[in-house]
């Protein structure tokens, strides 16, 4: 019998790819390339969003 995967809510801003490594054109003195690590600000690098039960409405 096949196992069913849990329904995880994927972040709509990054589509689940929360962290990206961007290589710049410069090199360090040891010859390696300088890279920047960027995380999604919406999900804070997790790739998922909070479920509807965890969201709270503020206001009237």
C-alpha atoms as a PDB file:
ATOM      1  CA  UNK A   1       0.000   0.000   0.000  1.00  0.00           C
ATOM      2  CA  UNK A   2       1.510   3.387  -0.943  1.00  0.00           C
ATOM      3  CA  UNK A   3       2.276   5.857   1.783  1.00  0.00           C
ATOM      4  CA  UNK A   4       0.705   9.289   1.566  1.00  0.00           C
ATOM      5  CA  UNK A   5       2.889  12.351   1.969  1.00  0.00           C
ATOM      6  CA  UNK A   6       1.891  15.028   4.425  1.00  0.00           C
ATOM      7  CA  UNK A   7       0.478  18.197   2.955  1.00  0.00           C
ATOM      8  CA  UNK A   8       3.093  20.855   3.615  1.00  0.00           C
ATOM      9  CA  UNK A   9       2.334  24.422   2.720  1.00  0.00           C
ATOM     10  CA  UNK A  10       5.062  25.663   0.377  1.00  0.00           C
ATOM     11  CA  UNK A  11       6.054  29.307   0.618  1.00  0.00           C
ATOM     12  CA  UNK A  12       4.495  31.210  -2.279  1.00  0.00           C
ATOM     13  CA  UNK A  13       7.351  33.719  -2.461  1.00  0.00           C
ATOM     14  CA  UNK A  14      10.189  31.225  -2.981  1.00  0.00           C
ATOM     15  CA  UNK A  15       8.264  28.076  -4.118  1.00  0.00           C
ATOM     16  CA  UNK A  16      10.072  25.970  -1.501  1.00  0.00           C
ATOM     17  CA  UNK A  17      13.588  26.981  -2.575  1.00  0.00           C
ATOM     18  CA  UNK A  18      14.275  29.117   0.472  1.00  0.00           C
ATOM     19  CA  UNK A  19      18.050  29.473   0.213  1.00  0.00           C
ATOM     20  CA  UNK A  20      20.075  30.440  -2.852  1.00  0.00           C
ATOM     21  CA  UNK A  21      23.841  30.622  -3.267  1.00  0.00           C
ATOM     22  CA  UNK A  22      24.891  33.331  -5.719  1.00  0.00           C
ATOM     23  CA  UNK A  23      28.421  33.218  -7.085  1.00  0.00           C
ATOM     24  CA  UNK A  24      30.034  36.585  -7.700  1.00  0.00           C
ATOM     25  CA  UNK A  25      32.738  37.185 -10.270  1.00  0.00           C
ATOM     26  CA  UNK A  26      35.445  37.860  -7.672  1.00  0.00           C
ATOM     27  CA  UNK A  27      37.826  35.358  -6.137  1.00  0.00           C
ATOM     28  CA  UNK A  28      39.411  35.095  -2.701  1.00  0.00           C
ATOM     29  CA  UNK A  29      43.204  34.997  -2.289  1.00  0.00           C
ATOM     30  CA  UNK A  30      43.129  31.180  -2.064  1.00  0.00           C
ATOM     31  CA  UNK A  31      41.394  30.940  -5.477  1.00  0.00           C
ATOM     32  CA  UNK A  32      37.869  30.115  -4.348  1.00  0.00           C
ATOM     33  CA  UNK A  33      34.965  32.173  -5.633  1.00  0.00           C
ATOM     34  CA  UNK A  34      33.100  34.572  -3.380  1.00  0.00           C
ATOM     35  CA  UNK A  35      29.486  33.478  -2.892  1.00  0.00           C
ATOM     36  CA  UNK A  36      26.494  35.151  -1.269  1.00  0.00           C
ATOM     37  CA  UNK A  37      23.908  33.121   0.631  1.00  0.00           C
ATOM     38  CA  UNK A  38      20.416  34.604   0.411  1.00  0.00           C
ATOM     39  CA  UNK A  39      17.369  33.339   2.313  1.00  0.00           C
ATOM     40  CA  UNK A  40      13.706  34.067   1.651  1.00  0.00           C
ATOM     41  CA  UNK A  41      12.491  36.847   3.979  1.00  0.00           C
ATOM     42  CA  UNK A  42       8.885  35.613   3.903  1.00  0.00           C
ATOM     43  CA  UNK A  43       9.521  32.126   5.308  1.00  0.00           C
ATOM     44  CA  UNK A  44      12.903  32.911   6.931  1.00  0.00           C
ATOM     45  CA  UNK A  45      14.665  30.092   5.084  1.00  0.00           C
ATOM     46  CA  UNK A  46      12.324  27.229   5.957  1.00  0.00           C
ATOM     47  CA  UNK A  47      10.562  26.894   2.584  1.00  0.00           C
ATOM     48  CA  UNK A  48       7.166  26.400   4.211  1.00  0.00           C
ATOM     49  CA  UNK A  49       4.497  28.686   5.592  1.00  0.00           C
ATOM     50  CA  UNK A  50       2.503  28.479   8.782  1.00  0.00           C
ATOM     51  CA  UNK A  51      -0.700  26.499   8.651  1.00  0.00           C
ATOM     52  CA  UNK A  52      -4.005  28.325   8.790  1.00  0.00           C
ATOM     53  CA  UNK A  53      -4.492  27.204  12.397  1.00  0.00           C
ATOM     54  CA  UNK A  54      -1.328  29.093  13.434  1.00  0.00           C
ATOM     55  CA  UNK A  55      -2.302  32.363  11.743  1.00  0.00           C
ATOM     56  CA  UNK A  56      -3.967  35.014  13.888  1.00  0.00           C
ATOM     57  CA  UNK A  57      -6.113  37.860  12.736  1.00  0.00           C
ATOM     58  CA  UNK A  58      -5.364  41.230  14.276  1.00  0.00           C
ATOM     59  CA  UNK A  59      -7.841  44.060  14.262  1.00  0.00           C
ATOM     60  CA  UNK A  60     -11.564  44.439  14.554  1.00  0.00           C
END
